[in-house]
Protein backbone atom coordinates (compact mmCIF):
# COMPACT_ATOMS: atom_id res chain seq x y z
CA UNK A 1 78.92 95.06 -26.87
CA UNK A 2 76.41 96.93 -28.96
CA UNK A 3 76.14 96.40 -32.70
CA UNK A 4 77.36 99.95 -33.27
CA UNK A 5 80.53 99.25 -31.33
CA UNK A 6 81.18 95.99 -33.12
CA UNK A 7 81.03 97.77 -36.45
CA UNK A 8 83.69 100.32 -35.61
CA UNK A 9 87.00 100.10 -37.38
CA UNK A 10 90.23 100.77 -35.46
CA UNK A 11 91.62 104.24 -36.05
CA UNK A 12 95.15 102.92 -36.48
CA UNK A 13 97.08 99.71 -36.82
CA UNK A 14 98.76 98.14 -33.81
CA UNK A 15 102.33 99.42 -33.52
CA UNK A 16 104.46 96.70 -31.96
CA UNK A 17 107.68 98.75 -32.08
CA UNK A 18 106.65 101.44 -29.58
CA UNK A 19 105.58 100.74 -25.98
CA UNK A 20 102.02 101.58 -25.03
CA UNK A 21 100.69 102.45 -21.57
CA UNK A 22 97.75 100.03 -21.68
CA UNK A 23 99.94 97.08 -22.67
CA UNK A 24 102.65 97.93 -20.12
CA UNK A 25 99.99 98.19 -17.41
CA UNK A 26 98.69 94.78 -18.43
CA UNK A 27 102.23 93.45 -18.06
CA UNK A 28 102.59 94.94 -14.57
CA UNK A 29 99.26 93.36 -13.57
CA UNK A 30 100.46 89.93 -14.65
CA UNK A 31 98.46 89.79 -17.87
CA UNK A 32 99.54 88.29 -21.18
CA UNK A 33 98.41 90.88 -23.72
CA UNK A 34 101.60 92.77 -24.52
CA UNK A 35 104.54 92.76 -26.93
CA UNK A 36 108.32 92.44 -26.46
CA UNK A 37 108.77 96.23 -26.54
CA UNK A 38 106.24 96.61 -23.72
CA UNK A 39 108.02 94.00 -21.62
CA UNK A 40 111.41 95.50 -22.41
CA UNK A 41 110.49 99.02 -21.33
CA UNK A 42 108.33 97.69 -18.52
CA UNK A 43 111.33 95.79 -17.14
CA UNK A 44 113.47 98.91 -17.37
CA UNK A 45 110.87 100.90 -15.46
CA UNK A 46 110.46 98.16 -12.85
CA UNK A 47 114.25 97.89 -12.46
CA UNK A 48 114.56 101.50 -11.35
CA UNK A 49 111.14 101.65 -9.73
CA UNK A 50 109.91 98.30 -8.34
CA UNK A 51 106.96 100.09 -6.75
CA UNK A 52 105.25 100.43 -10.14
CA UNK A 53 103.78 96.93 -9.72
CA UNK A 54 102.25 97.90 -6.37
CA UNK A 55 100.79 101.02 -7.98
CA UNK A 56 99.17 98.95 -10.74
CA UNK A 57 97.59 96.53 -8.29
CA UNK A 58 96.44 99.17 -5.80
CA UNK A 59 94.95 101.19 -8.66
CA UNK A 60 92.91 98.20 -9.75
CA UNK A 61 91.69 97.65 -6.21
CA UNK A 62 90.73 101.33 -5.95
CA UNK A 63 88.65 101.00 -9.12
CA UNK A 64 86.70 98.13 -7.58
CA UNK A 65 86.07 99.96 -4.30
CA UNK A 66 85.02 103.18 -6.01
CA UNK A 67 82.66 101.49 -8.48
CA UNK A 68 81.09 99.38 -5.74
CA UNK A 69 80.49 102.53 -3.70
CA UNK A 70 78.93 104.43 -6.60
CA UNK A 71 76.80 101.58 -7.90
CA UNK A 72 75.81 100.28 -4.47
CA UNK A 73 75.58 103.19 -2.03
CA UNK A 74 75.04 106.11 -4.43
CA UNK A 75 72.93 104.40 -7.09
CA UNK A 76 74.92 105.40 -10.18
CA UNK A 77 73.91 103.32 -13.21
CA UNK A 78 76.07 104.87 -15.95
CA UNK A 79 79.86 104.78 -16.26
CA UNK A 80 82.15 106.42 -18.83
CA UNK A 81 85.58 104.78 -18.46
CA UNK A 82 88.24 106.72 -20.37
CA UNK A 83 91.61 105.03 -20.73
CA UNK A 84 90.20 101.66 -19.75
CA UNK A 85 93.29 99.71 -20.82
CA UNK A 86 93.27 96.02 -21.65
CA UNK A 87 90.58 93.88 -20.04
CA UNK A 88 91.71 92.17 -16.86
CA UNK A 89 90.07 91.08 -13.61
CA UNK A 90 87.24 93.24 -12.25
CA UNK A 91 86.67 95.59 -15.15
CA UNK A 92 84.30 98.49 -14.50
CA UNK A 93 81.23 96.80 -16.00
CA UNK A 94 81.85 93.58 -14.07
CA UNK A 95 82.02 95.39 -10.74
CA UNK A 96 79.04 97.67 -11.51
CA UNK A 97 76.80 94.95 -12.95
CA UNK A 98 77.44 92.62 -10.03
CA UNK A 99 75.81 95.31 -7.91
CA UNK A 100 73.27 96.56 -10.48
CA UNK A 101 72.90 94.39 -13.61
CA UNK A 102 71.12 97.21 -15.46
CA UNK A 103 74.23 99.42 -15.40
CA UNK A 104 75.47 100.89 -18.68
CA UNK A 105 79.19 101.27 -19.35
CA UNK A 106 81.09 102.92 -22.19
CA UNK A 107 84.81 102.19 -22.45
CA UNK A 108 87.25 104.50 -24.25
CA UNK A 109 90.83 103.80 -25.31
CA UNK A 110 93.07 104.61 -28.26
CA UNK A 111 94.95 101.32 -28.65
CA UNK A 112 93.63 99.02 -31.42
CA UNK A 113 94.71 96.00 -29.37
CA UNK A 114 92.38 97.16 -26.60
CA UNK A 115 89.56 97.44 -29.15
CA UNK A 116 90.06 93.84 -30.27
CA UNK A 117 89.96 92.52 -26.72
CA UNK A 118 87.15 94.83 -25.64
CA UNK A 119 84.88 93.63 -28.42
CA UNK A 120 85.51 90.02 -27.41
CA UNK A 121 85.57 90.26 -23.63
CA UNK A 122 83.69 93.32 -22.38
CA UNK A 123 80.25 91.80 -22.71
CA UNK A 124 77.31 93.19 -20.79
CA UNK A 125 74.70 91.55 -18.64
CA UNK A 126 71.37 91.12 -20.50
CA UNK A 127 69.81 93.91 -18.42
CA UNK A 128 72.56 96.46 -19.02
CA UNK A 129 74.81 97.61 -21.87
CA UNK A 130 78.49 97.89 -22.78
CA UNK A 131 79.98 99.86 -25.63
CA UNK A 132 83.53 100.67 -26.71
CA UNK A 133 84.86 103.82 -28.39
CA UNK A 134 88.29 103.98 -29.96
CA UNK A 135 89.25 107.58 -29.26
CA UNK A 136 91.95 109.67 -27.63
CA UNK A 137 91.36 111.48 -24.35
CA UNK A 138 92.52 114.63 -26.17
CA UNK A 139 89.31 114.54 -28.22
CA UNK A 140 86.62 114.96 -25.54
CA UNK A 141 83.96 116.14 -27.99
CA UNK A 142 84.22 112.92 -29.98
CA UNK A 143 84.08 110.88 -26.77
CA UNK A 144 80.99 112.69 -25.55
CA UNK A 145 79.26 112.48 -28.93
CA UNK A 146 79.80 108.76 -29.34
CA UNK A 147 79.14 107.91 -25.69
CA UNK A 148 75.70 109.52 -26.04
CA UNK A 149 74.64 106.52 -28.15
CA UNK A 150 74.64 104.44 -24.97
CA UNK A 151 74.56 106.86 -22.03
CA UNK A 152 71.88 109.40 -21.11
CA UNK A 153 73.72 112.63 -20.34
CA UNK A 154 70.63 114.11 -18.69
CA UNK A 155 71.17 111.61 -15.87
CA UNK A 156 74.19 111.19 -13.54
CA UNK A 157 77.27 109.46 -14.95
CA UNK A 158 80.46 108.31 -13.25
CA UNK A 159 83.45 109.54 -15.26
CA UNK A 160 86.31 107.08 -14.70
CA UNK A 161 89.84 108.31 -15.39
CA UNK A 162 92.43 105.98 -13.95
CA UNK A 163 96.00 106.39 -15.11
CA UNK A 164 95.13 108.31 -18.26
CA UNK A 165 95.64 112.07 -17.78
CA UNK A 166 99.39 111.65 -17.38
CA UNK A 167 99.39 111.00 -21.13
CA UNK A 168 98.43 114.67 -21.58
CA UNK A 169 101.75 116.31 -20.84
CA UNK A 170 100.62 119.94 -20.85
CA UNK A 171 98.85 120.88 -17.62
CA UNK A 172 96.54 123.50 -19.11
CA UNK A 173 95.48 121.14 -21.89
CA UNK A 174 94.78 118.41 -19.33
CA UNK A 175 92.66 120.74 -17.19
CA UNK A 176 90.77 122.02 -20.24
CA UNK A 177 89.92 118.45 -21.25
CA UNK A 178 88.70 117.70 -17.73
CA UNK A 179 86.58 120.84 -17.63
CA UNK A 180 84.99 119.96 -20.99
CA UNK A 181 84.10 116.44 -19.88
CA UNK A 182 82.72 117.51 -16.50
CA UNK A 183 80.71 120.35 -18.05
CA UNK A 184 78.82 117.78 -20.14
CA UNK A 185 77.76 115.73 -17.11
CA UNK A 186 74.50 116.18 -15.24
CA UNK A 187 74.44 117.33 -11.61
CA UNK A 188 74.91 114.38 -9.31
CA UNK A 189 77.58 112.87 -11.58
CA UNK A 190 80.92 111.74 -10.20
CA UNK A 191 84.59 111.87 -11.18
CA UNK A 192 86.70 108.84 -10.23
CA UNK A 193 90.31 109.90 -10.79
CA UNK A 194 93.72 108.33 -10.27
CA UNK A 195 97.13 109.20 -11.65
CA UNK A 196 100.83 109.08 -10.96
CA UNK A 197 102.90 111.35 -8.75
CA UNK A 198 106.47 111.25 -7.42
CA UNK A 199 106.14 112.32 -3.80
CA UNK A 200 106.77 108.96 -2.10
CA UNK A 201 109.84 107.70 -3.96
CA UNK A 202 110.80 110.85 -5.76
CA UNK A 203 114.07 109.85 -7.42
CA UNK A 204 112.91 106.41 -8.52
CA UNK A 205 109.64 107.76 -9.94
CA UNK A 206 111.46 110.56 -11.75
CA UNK A 207 113.92 108.09 -13.29
CA UNK A 208 111.05 105.85 -14.43
CA UNK A 209 109.37 108.90 -15.97
CA UNK A 210 112.61 109.75 -17.82
CA UNK A 211 113.02 106.24 -19.21
CA UNK A 212 109.46 106.11 -20.46
CA UNK A 213 109.94 109.41 -22.26
CA UNK A 214 113.15 108.17 -23.89
CA UNK A 215 111.32 105.02 -25.04
CA UNK A 216 108.63 107.05 -26.79
CA UNK A 217 105.88 106.67 -24.17
CA UNK A 218 106.12 109.87 -22.10
CA UNK A 219 103.99 110.19 -18.98
CA UNK A 220 103.52 113.28 -16.82
CA UNK A 221 103.75 112.81 -13.06
CA UNK A 222 101.98 115.58 -11.14
CA UNK A 223 102.20 116.96 -7.61
CA UNK A 224 99.31 116.58 -5.14
CA UNK A 225 98.44 120.25 -5.73
CA UNK A 226 98.34 119.76 -9.49
CA UNK A 227 96.25 116.61 -9.04
CA UNK A 228 93.74 118.39 -6.82
CA UNK A 229 93.07 120.85 -9.66
CA UNK A 230 91.21 118.12 -11.55
CA UNK A 231 88.57 118.23 -8.79
CA UNK A 232 87.92 121.98 -8.98
CA UNK A 233 84.21 122.67 -8.57
CA UNK A 234 83.47 119.17 -7.25
CA UNK A 235 82.53 117.97 -3.77
CA UNK A 236 85.38 115.60 -2.95
CA UNK A 237 84.31 112.58 -0.93
CA UNK A 238 86.25 111.72 2.24
CA UNK A 239 89.10 110.95 2.69
CA UNK A 240 89.95 113.43 -0.08
CA UNK A 241 92.78 113.11 -2.61
CA UNK A 242 95.01 110.42 -1.12
CA UNK A 243 97.35 107.60 -2.09
CA UNK A 244 95.54 105.03 -4.19
CA UNK A 245 96.50 102.40 -1.60
CA UNK A 246 94.60 104.24 1.16
CA UNK A 247 91.21 105.26 -0.26
CA UNK A 248 88.39 103.78 1.84
CA UNK A 249 90.12 100.55 2.73
CA UNK A 250 87.89 97.65 3.62
CA UNK A 251 88.19 95.72 6.87
CA UNK A 252 90.62 92.83 6.75
CA UNK A 253 93.33 91.02 8.67
CA UNK A 254 96.16 93.08 7.16
CA UNK A 255 97.56 96.39 8.31
CA UNK A 256 97.07 99.55 6.26
CA UNK A 257 99.37 99.49 3.20
CA UNK A 258 102.07 102.09 2.73
CA UNK A 259 101.42 105.08 0.43
CA UNK A 260 102.41 104.64 -3.21
CA UNK A 261 103.17 107.14 -5.96
CA UNK A 262 99.63 107.37 -7.30
CA UNK A 263 96.93 109.66 -5.97
CA UNK A 264 93.20 109.19 -6.28
CA UNK A 265 89.89 110.68 -5.30
CA UNK A 266 86.18 110.67 -6.00
CA UNK A 267 84.28 113.91 -6.49
CA UNK A 268 80.58 114.73 -6.95
CA UNK A 269 79.34 117.39 -9.34
CA UNK A 270 76.86 119.62 -7.44
């Protein structure tokens, strides 16, 4: 972490009475950084929608494949990871810096618990850099301003948004945020995007969405058409916007996994 990041103060105190997406995701991934309310609501969601655990794990695997592709085959050396969540296995900087140790990564999240863990665990290689910003995705100007301390916006950047835009319930607001972030990126930059839908197990996903909203942690599931809108103006890499379990699978002894209710894609800014 940079000295500037270490000196930041959390914007808010940790609220242990309301579930939070980052902590629930950590619970689904088998982590230990969560509170009883996160486990309680997480269990309710998993009860009606067992597939949520598969989504969490496939999403993490997609992150690794996408970052390896961008750092290795494309040569991207800068990553802006918004909605990073709690540190777990194969965080963005770990994957990128295994390929290119000089890579620079800025993480963004709005949970003070994530800030505490990020400062302790998201440490860079000596050749590269890691920084952390406590900010909300709804404040793109703040994100861009603070990220510019570490990243060079005149050069290509990979914008990582995995499981975050569903927190922005209004579609037009979500698209406006995306447009603002992408507008700030240099040509040759990339968007790595993943978020929830309800096209595979419609009723179960819709019920999980309802329970999260009742618990105070609403999350917007979008259709494939609505998801594709986030890639407007970008050159979407093959195989396009697909289930997170089926993006550029690597060779192995297992058969292709079934689709899950999360869509993903990678797009290049011309």
